[in-house]
Amino acid sequence: MSFVEDNQSKIEAIINDYVAFSNKMQGRATLSEAEKIIQEQLNQ
């Protein structure tokens, strides 16, 4: 299995949380900031 398949539900939850957050921030976060947040969440 790939990394994405193994972590799909976790990744989807993180993305949903990030989308909700970024909608509040009205797109202030850059892609690199999004990637940092996702990486930090996956490392927990």
C-alpha atoms as a PDB file:
ATOM      1  CA  MET A   1       0.000   0.000   0.000  1.00  0.00           C
ATOM      2  CA  SER A   2       1.078   3.533  -0.615  1.00  0.00           C
ATOM      3  CA  PHE A   3       1.596   6.178   2.042  1.00  0.00           C
ATOM      4  CA  VAL A   4      -1.595   7.937   0.935  1.00  0.00           C
ATOM      5  CA  GLU A   5      -3.697   4.766   1.137  1.00  0.00           C
ATOM      6  CA  ASP A   6      -2.309   3.905   4.576  1.00  0.00           C
ATOM      7  CA  ASN A   7      -3.054   7.387   5.879  1.00  0.00           C
ATOM      8  CA  GLN A   8      -6.090   8.320   3.782  1.00  0.00           C
ATOM      9  CA  SER A   9      -8.601   8.878   6.592  1.00  0.00           C
ATOM     10  CA  LYS A  10      -6.029  10.826   8.621  1.00  0.00           C
ATOM     11  CA  ILE A  11      -5.047  12.935   5.599  1.00  0.00           C
ATOM     12  CA  GLU A  12      -8.700  13.630   4.770  1.00  0.00           C
ATOM     13  CA  ALA A  13      -9.378  14.752   8.347  1.00  0.00           C
ATOM     14  CA  ILE A  14      -6.308  17.020   8.287  1.00  0.00           C
ATOM     15  CA  ILE A  15      -7.326  18.485   4.932  1.00  0.00           C
ATOM     16  CA  ASN A  16     -10.879  19.083   6.173  1.00  0.00           C
ATOM     17  CA  ASP A  17      -9.505  20.835   9.269  1.00  0.00           C
ATOM     18  CA  TYR A  18      -7.134  22.875   7.122  1.00  0.00           C
ATOM     19  CA  VAL A  19      -9.862  23.868   4.662  1.00  0.00           C
ATOM     20  CA  ALA A  20     -12.093  25.024   7.521  1.00  0.00           C
ATOM     21  CA  PHE A  21      -9.180  26.991   8.977  1.00  0.00           C
ATOM     22  CA  SER A  22      -8.119  28.480   5.647  1.00  0.00           C
ATOM     23  CA  ASN A  23     -11.687  29.517   4.870  1.00  0.00           C
ATOM     24  CA  LYS A  24     -11.676  31.474   8.149  1.00  0.00           C
ATOM     25  CA  MET A  25      -8.342  33.025   7.231  1.00  0.00           C
ATOM     26  CA  GLN A  26      -9.704  33.940   3.757  1.00  0.00           C
ATOM     27  CA  GLY A  27      -6.780  32.335   1.952  1.00  0.00           C
ATOM     28  CA  ARG A  28      -3.981  34.141   3.812  1.00  0.00           C
ATOM     29  CA  ALA A  29      -2.011  30.930   4.229  1.00  0.00           C
ATOM     30  CA  THR A  30       0.345  30.040   1.405  1.00  0.00           C
ATOM     31  CA  LEU A  31       0.788  26.550  -0.002  1.00  0.00           C
ATOM     32  CA  SER A  32       4.100  26.170   1.833  1.00  0.00           C
ATOM     33  CA  GLU A  33       2.354  26.975   5.126  1.00  0.00           C
ATOM     34  CA  ALA A  34      -0.318  24.382   4.320  1.00  0.00           C
ATOM     35  CA  GLU A  35       2.385  21.808   3.594  1.00  0.00           C
ATOM     36  CA  LYS A  36       4.104  22.570   6.923  1.00  0.00           C
ATOM     37  CA  ILE A  37       0.814  22.142   8.826  1.00  0.00           C
ATOM     38  CA  ILE A  38       0.058  18.838   7.092  1.00  0.00           C
ATOM     39  CA  GLN A  39       3.588  17.544   7.707  1.00  0.00           C
ATOM     40  CA  GLU A  40       3.406  18.480  11.399  1.00  0.00           C
ATOM     41  CA  GLN A  41       0.046  16.692  11.751  1.00  0.00           C
ATOM     42  CA  LEU A  42       1.335  13.559  10.012  1.00  0.00           C
ATOM     43  CA  ASN A  43       4.372  13.465  12.311  1.00  0.00           C
ATOM     44  CA  GLN A  44       2.229  13.303  15.441  1.00  0.00           C
END
